[in-house]
């Protein structure tokens, strides 16, 4: 947690530095409902028992929120800082012995699982296309994930935590369809031998004024890793609404 606080402080300082003191700032808040498509877990990744938190167990839908602070440095350069916590709960039983992170759960025992995936990201985007109708940018994102998967029963409990850095490619498309209405597609994604990650939003927006934008759409978060320590691949469906305020 101390490492996350340090990263957050450095990222926040970069947005509030003298270089950006004369820049345009934005505050973006997003919220809605998230549901699990699949969530397959095996810990350790080489000898643990694979379990699906969405099929073997039942995962409840949950509310979510995200906060993004942004600054625009000129017409083509953008910096943003994202805080995106996530909590999911699952419950049920499996018809086999479950070996999870050093703990053994007997077949048929009632289980509860808690899935946490908190994301902190600092993104830079460069505007490659800047027209009245279409804006498109590419950049990079430095992501810090703070994740945990806990499985427990009436007699046993085990939690696997993982905190790490993930570099991603950042992209953003803003297509003004008509008047104050438009479509945005943006996110972060990257695939590598160690794993993959995609977080993509597709949403329609309305510019209420030059300082206020409302949107509604769908966000997909997918990815995971497969190694001796951890096997976990997850797909999450977000149905979201958002508001962006320019300061």
Foldseek 3Di string as FASTA:
>chain_A
DVVVVVVVVVLVCVCCDPLQVPWWKKKKKKKFKKDWPWKWWAFLLPDWDIDIQVPQWNKDIDMWMKIKMKTDRPDFKIKMKIKTKDKIKIKDFAQQWGDHHNDIDHHPFIKMKMKIKIKIKIWMWTWPDDDPFKTKTKTKMKMWIWIKMKMDGPVDIDMDIDIDIDIWIWMKMWGADDDQKTWIKIWTWDQDLFKIWTWIWIWIWGPPDPFKIKIWTKIWIWMAGRDSGIDITTIMIGGMIMMMGMD
